[in-house]
Amino acid sequence: MNLSDLTGLDKAAILFQVLGDGLAVTIFKEIGDTDMRKVRVRARELSGIPFAVKKTVLEEFYFGFLAAKFKDSAGDSKKPFAYLGKMSDEQVAYLVLAEPPRIAAIVLAQLDSKRQMRIYEKLDPDQRVETLVELGNAEAMNLEVVVSVAGDLQEKARYLPKASEFERGGGEKLAGMLNHMGLEQAELFIDKLAQENPDLLAEVKKYYLVFEDIFKVDDNALREILNSVELDDIPMALKGFDDAVVEQAINVLPKKKQAMYEPIEGAVSKREIHSARSRIMEEVRKMQNSGQLNVAEMLSGDLVE
């Protein structure tokens, strides 16, 4: 039996099977005696329901129940997430793809149960579990924080391509959105895109540069880039790269800076590495915007796999 074949009575009966009669009666206390008998009879009739279907029915109920609690606690007079109603499911999914589970939970809580499940299914299995947990803590979320999240996501949503452009290739607009994300979030987005839409990723790569790309340009361009940043950021950003890349970077530096260059020894946090790389990429984008460099043009076809 598929989920699409189930009626509302079937879903209620499955919840009775999964939750047990005692807990289910407590949850469905507003159901009349006649309807309750129908649900109990249907629960005895249903058999052989696949685990995946039971799981989806339970998750659908869980989302609806907790989202209602969240909306009651947060209020809806100002409707800070009204813009989500104008976005397609795919746009909303891409918007939350690179967000932490807590933010994804806040967004999902604003949607009806059908949209919740469609977007929820696009998340990684680990993210789904964490998002459910966060949604369960909805009542503990401060309203001011929720409103702030709504504003931040609305700003990011401005850089999403239109629904039709997801099909035709909205690479340039997606690249613009990535440029406004932190490096860690952008890398997560790129990884997801590689798995789910390689064609769109190829289009995005025409406009969005990752840190590794700057080592594919000629030495003069690389020298200009590295001379524009703090020397301390270079060894931190190069942490984890092989010796050939490190040597390439050092060799384009002026002799004075080469003598001052000190590699980073020992373990460092990913956050420190990402921060250093982000600062360098910020300089690259400034140089591109000013016309001082056109790294994408230098790389040409090398960006598209």
Protein backbone atom coordinates (compact mmCIF):
# COMPACT_ATOMS: atom_id res chain seq x y z
CA MET A 1 0.00 0.00 0.00
CA ASN A 2 1.33 3.43 -0.98
CA LEU A 3 0.92 6.64 1.01
CA SER A 4 -1.14 8.17 -1.82
CA ASP A 5 -3.70 5.34 -1.46
CA LEU A 6 -4.44 6.12 2.17
CA THR A 7 -7.56 7.96 3.28
CA GLY A 8 -7.73 10.15 6.36
CA LEU A 9 -9.36 7.24 8.21
CA ASP A 10 -6.48 4.96 7.15
CA LYS A 11 -3.89 7.39 8.47
CA ALA A 12 -5.70 7.75 11.78
CA ALA A 13 -5.89 3.96 12.04
CA ILE A 14 -2.17 3.63 11.35
CA LEU A 15 -1.45 6.16 14.11
CA PHE A 16 -3.53 4.00 16.47
CA GLN A 17 -1.43 0.99 15.49
CA VAL A 18 1.88 2.83 15.93
CA LEU A 19 1.06 4.78 19.10
CA GLY A 20 -1.01 2.16 20.86
CA ASP A 21 -4.63 2.50 21.92
CA GLY A 22 -3.95 4.28 25.23
CA LEU A 23 -1.78 7.08 23.84
CA ALA A 24 -3.85 7.44 20.66
CA VAL A 25 -7.08 7.93 22.64
CA THR A 26 -5.40 10.72 24.62
CA ILE A 27 -4.21 12.47 21.46
CA PHE A 28 -7.54 12.07 19.64
CA LYS A 29 -9.67 13.02 22.64
CA GLU A 30 -11.74 15.46 20.56
CA ILE A 31 -12.94 12.69 18.22
CA GLY A 32 -16.52 11.54 18.87
CA ASP A 33 -17.36 8.02 19.99
CA THR A 34 -18.74 7.01 16.59
CA ASP A 35 -15.62 8.14 14.73
CA MET A 36 -13.42 6.56 17.38
CA ARG A 37 -15.11 3.20 16.79
CA LYS A 38 -14.55 3.56 13.03
CA VAL A 39 -10.86 4.24 13.59
CA ARG A 40 -10.49 1.24 15.91
CA VAL A 41 -12.24 -1.06 13.43
CA ARG A 42 -10.07 0.20 10.57
CA ALA A 43 -6.93 -0.26 12.68
CA ARG A 44 -7.82 -3.94 13.15
CA GLU A 45 -8.51 -4.34 9.43
CA LEU A 46 -5.25 -2.82 8.19
CA SER A 47 -2.33 -5.20 7.92
CA GLY A 48 0.93 -5.46 6.05
CA ILE A 49 1.53 -1.69 6.09
CA PRO A 50 5.20 -1.08 5.11
CA PHE A 51 7.38 0.47 7.78
CA ALA A 52 8.23 3.41 5.48
CA VAL A 53 4.54 4.27 5.11
CA LYS A 54 3.97 4.10 8.89
CA LYS A 55 7.02 6.29 9.43
CA THR A 56 5.80 8.90 6.94
CA VAL A 57 2.29 8.99 8.46
CA LEU A 58 3.79 9.47 11.92
CA GLU A 59 6.13 12.22 10.71
CA GLU A 60 3.26 13.97 8.92
CA PHE A 61 1.21 13.96 12.11
CA TYR A 62 4.22 15.05 14.17
CA PHE A 63 4.89 18.00 11.88
CA GLY A 64 1.28 19.13 11.93
CA PHE A 65 0.95 18.81 15.69
CA LEU A 66 4.16 20.64 16.56
CA ALA A 67 3.85 23.25 13.84
CA ALA A 68 0.43 24.19 15.25
CA LYS A 69 1.98 24.58 18.70
CA PHE A 70 4.76 26.71 17.21
CA LYS A 71 2.34 29.00 15.43
CA ASP A 72 0.21 29.38 18.53
CA SER A 73 3.25 30.38 20.59
CA ALA A 74 4.77 32.69 18.00
CA GLY A 75 1.59 34.36 16.81
CA ASP A 76 0.79 35.21 13.20
CA SER A 77 -0.32 38.83 13.28
CA LYS A 78 2.68 40.14 11.37
CA LYS A 79 3.30 36.98 9.31
CA PRO A 80 7.06 37.53 8.90
CA PHE A 81 7.31 34.44 6.67
CA ALA A 82 4.54 35.46 4.26
CA TYR A 83 7.06 35.49 1.39
CA LEU A 84 7.35 31.69 1.59
CA GLY A 85 3.85 31.46 0.12
CA LYS A 86 5.10 33.05 -3.10
CA MET A 87 7.99 30.59 -3.46
CA SER A 88 7.90 27.17 -5.08
CA ASP A 89 8.71 24.05 -3.07
CA GLU A 90 12.05 23.80 -4.84
CA GLN A 91 12.94 27.37 -4.01
CA VAL A 92 12.14 26.84 -0.32
CA ALA A 93 14.11 23.59 -0.33
CA TYR A 94 17.20 25.29 -1.75
CA LEU A 95 16.76 28.14 0.70
CA VAL A 96 16.98 25.84 3.75
CA LEU A 97 19.42 23.34 2.23
CA ALA A 98 22.50 25.04 3.63
CA GLU A 99 20.87 26.14 6.89
CA PRO A 100 21.32 24.41 10.25
CA PRO A 101 18.45 22.15 11.45
CA ARG A 102 17.09 24.79 13.82
CA ILE A 103 16.57 27.26 10.97
CA ALA A 104 15.12 24.53 8.74
CA ALA A 105 12.67 23.66 11.54
CA ILE A 106 11.54 27.28 11.88
CA VAL A 107 10.88 27.45 8.12
CA LEU A 108 9.05 24.11 8.00
CA ALA A 109 6.86 25.17 10.91
CA GLN A 110 5.42 27.94 8.72
CA LEU A 111 4.20 25.56 6.01
CA ASP A 112 1.19 23.29 5.69
CA SER A 113 1.79 19.59 6.26
CA LYS A 114 1.93 18.65 2.57
CA ARG A 115 4.61 21.25 1.80
CA GLN A 116 6.48 20.30 4.97
CA MET A 117 6.80 16.70 3.86
CA ARG A 118 7.81 17.54 0.30
CA ILE A 119 10.64 19.77 1.51
CA TYR A 120 11.51 17.58 4.47
CA GLU A 121 12.12 14.63 2.13
CA LYS A 122 14.82 16.62 0.31
CA LEU A 123 16.95 16.80 3.47
CA ASP A 124 19.65 14.28 4.32
CA PRO A 125 18.50 11.53 6.73
CA ASP A 126 20.65 12.94 9.56
CA GLN A 127 19.29 16.42 8.95
CA ARG A 128 15.73 15.09 9.09
CA VAL A 129 16.20 13.69 12.58
CA GLU A 130 17.84 16.88 13.88
CA THR A 131 15.17 19.03 12.25
CA LEU A 132 12.39 17.04 13.92
CA VAL A 133 14.10 17.46 17.27
CA GLU A 134 14.39 21.21 16.74
CA LEU A 135 10.78 21.44 15.66
CA GLY A 136 9.88 19.68 18.89
CA ASN A 137 11.52 22.55 20.77
CA ALA A 138 9.45 25.14 18.91
CA GLU A 139 7.84 26.60 22.00
CA ALA A 140 11.27 27.46 23.43
CA MET A 141 12.14 29.64 20.43
CA ASN A 142 12.17 33.36 21.19
CA LEU A 143 9.82 35.33 18.94
CA GLU A 144 12.45 38.01 18.28
CA VAL A 145 14.86 35.33 17.07
CA VAL A 146 12.20 33.88 14.75
CA VAL A 147 11.45 37.30 13.26
CA SER A 148 15.19 37.88 12.77
CA VAL A 149 15.51 34.53 10.99
CA ALA A 150 12.59 35.48 8.75
CA GLY A 151 14.35 38.69 7.72
CA ASP A 152 17.70 36.99 7.06
CA LEU A 153 16.11 34.29 4.91
CA GLN A 154 14.03 36.81 3.00
CA GLU A 155 17.23 38.60 2.06
CA LYS A 156 18.81 35.33 0.86
CA ALA A 157 15.63 34.46 -1.03
CA ARG A 158 16.14 37.57 -3.17
CA TYR A 159 19.09 35.84 -4.83
CA LEU A 160 17.21 32.64 -5.67
CA PRO A 161 16.30 32.12 -9.32
CA LYS A 162 12.64 32.07 -10.29
CA ALA A 163 10.91 28.71 -10.33
CA SER A 164 11.25 28.40 -14.12
CA GLU A 165 14.95 29.19 -13.93
CA PHE A 166 15.59 26.10 -11.81
CA GLU A 167 14.68 24.10 -14.90
CA ARG A 168 16.39 26.34 -17.46
CA GLY A 169 19.49 26.96 -15.39
CA GLY A 170 19.63 29.78 -12.86
CA GLY A 171 23.35 29.40 -12.32
CA GLU A 172 24.22 33.09 -12.22
CA LYS A 173 21.56 33.93 -9.64
CA LEU A 174 22.42 30.90 -7.52
CA ALA A 175 26.07 31.97 -7.64
CA GLY A 176 25.03 35.39 -6.39
CA MET A 177 23.27 33.74 -3.46
CA LEU A 178 26.32 31.62 -2.69
CA ASN A 179 28.51 34.71 -2.64
CA HIS A 180 26.38 36.05 0.22
CA MET A 181 26.70 32.85 2.27
CA GLY A 182 29.52 31.85 4.56
CA LEU A 183 32.06 29.56 2.93
CA GLU A 184 31.00 26.55 5.02
CA GLN A 185 27.34 26.93 4.08
CA ALA A 186 28.20 27.49 0.44
CA GLU A 187 30.31 24.32 0.33
CA LEU A 188 27.43 22.33 1.79
CA PHE A 189 25.11 23.80 -0.85
CA ILE A 190 27.57 22.89 -3.62
CA ASP A 191 27.89 19.31 -2.29
CA LYS A 192 24.10 18.91 -2.28
CA LEU A 193 23.84 20.36 -5.77
CA ALA A 194 26.48 17.90 -7.00
CA GLN A 195 24.32 15.03 -5.77
CA GLU A 196 20.92 16.30 -6.85
CA ASN A 197 21.43 18.46 -9.94
CA PRO A 198 24.87 18.15 -11.62
CA ASP A 199 23.70 20.10 -14.66
CA LEU A 200 22.74 23.09 -12.55
CA LEU A 201 26.04 22.79 -10.67
CA ALA A 202 27.92 23.05 -13.98
CA GLU A 203 26.00 26.25 -14.70
CA VAL A 204 26.69 27.65 -11.23
CA LYS A 205 30.41 27.00 -11.59
CA LYS A 206 30.55 29.40 -14.52
CA TYR A 207 29.84 32.22 -12.08
CA TYR A 208 30.88 30.98 -8.65
CA LEU A 209 34.49 30.41 -7.68
CA VAL A 210 35.63 28.14 -4.88
CA PHE A 211 38.92 28.64 -3.06
CA GLU A 212 40.66 25.85 -5.02
CA ASP A 213 39.97 27.68 -8.28
CA ILE A 214 42.47 30.46 -7.59
CA PHE A 215 45.33 27.97 -7.96
CA LYS A 216 44.26 27.20 -11.52
CA VAL A 217 44.94 30.73 -12.78
CA ASP A 218 48.29 31.95 -14.13
CA ASP A 219 51.05 32.99 -11.71
CA ASN A 220 50.57 36.71 -12.31
CA ALA A 221 46.90 36.55 -11.31
CA LEU A 222 47.67 34.35 -8.30
CA ARG A 223 50.42 36.78 -7.21
CA GLU A 224 47.97 39.68 -7.43
CA ILE A 225 45.42 37.81 -5.33
CA LEU A 226 47.80 36.68 -2.59
CA ASN A 227 49.50 40.07 -2.38
CA SER A 228 46.13 41.66 -1.64
CA VAL A 229 45.49 39.63 1.53
CA GLU A 230 47.07 39.37 4.98
CA LEU A 231 50.10 37.10 4.97
CA ASP A 232 48.86 35.22 8.06
CA ASP A 233 45.70 34.17 6.21
CA ILE A 234 47.64 32.34 3.49
CA PRO A 235 49.17 29.45 5.50
CA MET A 236 45.91 29.02 7.43
CA ALA A 237 43.90 28.88 4.20
CA LEU A 238 46.38 26.40 2.71
CA LYS A 239 46.10 24.02 5.67
CA GLY A 240 45.30 20.57 4.31
CA PHE A 241 46.49 21.21 0.74
CA ASP A 242 49.28 19.11 -0.74
CA ASP A 243 52.85 20.39 -0.95
CA ALA A 244 52.60 21.27 -4.64
CA VAL A 245 49.82 23.81 -4.06
CA VAL A 246 51.58 25.28 -1.03
CA GLU A 247 54.81 25.64 -3.01
CA GLN A 248 52.93 27.26 -5.89
CA ALA A 249 51.49 29.86 -3.51
CA ILE A 250 54.81 30.60 -1.81
CA ASN A 251 56.68 30.93 -5.11
CA VAL A 252 54.49 33.76 -6.38
CA LEU A 253 54.98 35.83 -3.22
CA PRO A 254 57.64 38.55 -3.10
CA LYS A 255 60.94 37.39 -1.59
CA LYS A 256 60.31 39.37 1.60
CA LYS A 257 56.97 37.68 2.17
CA GLN A 258 58.46 34.27 1.31
CA ALA A 259 60.99 34.76 4.09
CA MET A 260 58.23 35.72 6.53
CA TYR A 261 55.92 32.86 5.55
CA GLU A 262 55.40 30.35 8.38
CA PRO A 263 53.35 27.17 7.83
CA ILE A 264 50.67 26.30 10.36
CA GLU A 265 51.78 23.32 12.42
CA GLY A 266 49.48 21.06 14.39
CA ALA A 267 45.71 20.77 14.37
CA VAL A 268 43.46 23.77 13.77
CA SER A 269 39.68 24.07 13.64
CA LYS A 270 37.73 23.98 10.39
CA ARG A 271 36.22 27.31 11.38
CA GLU A 272 39.66 28.98 11.37
CA ILE A 273 40.48 27.51 7.96
CA HIS A 274 37.10 28.53 6.51
CA SER A 275 37.48 32.04 7.92
CA ALA A 276 40.90 32.51 6.30
CA ARG A 277 39.67 31.17 2.96
CA SER A 278 36.57 33.37 3.15
CA ARG A 279 38.69 36.49 3.64
CA ILE A 280 40.81 35.61 0.61
CA MET A 281 37.75 34.89 -1.54
CA GLU A 282 36.21 38.18 -0.42
CA GLU A 283 39.27 39.96 -1.83
CA VAL A 284 38.99 37.96 -5.06
CA ARG A 285 35.37 39.06 -5.47
CA LYS A 286 36.28 42.70 -4.76
CA MET A 287 38.98 42.51 -7.44
CA GLN A 288 36.51 40.95 -9.86
CA ASN A 289 33.82 43.55 -9.15
CA SER A 290 36.29 46.38 -9.70
CA GLY A 291 37.44 44.88 -13.00
CA GLN A 292 40.95 44.35 -11.64
CA LEU A 293 40.66 40.61 -12.26
CA ASN A 294 38.41 38.27 -14.21
CA VAL A 295 39.28 34.91 -12.68
CA ALA A 296 36.28 33.14 -14.18
CA GLU A 297 37.33 34.21 -17.67
CA MET A 298 40.90 33.03 -17.02
CA LEU A 299 39.60 29.64 -15.97
CA SER A 300 37.08 29.50 -18.84
CA GLY A 301 36.11 25.85 -19.47
CA ASP A 302 38.12 24.55 -16.52
CA LEU A 303 35.27 25.45 -14.17
CA VAL A 304 32.77 23.22 -15.87
CA GLU A 305 33.20 19.52 -15.23
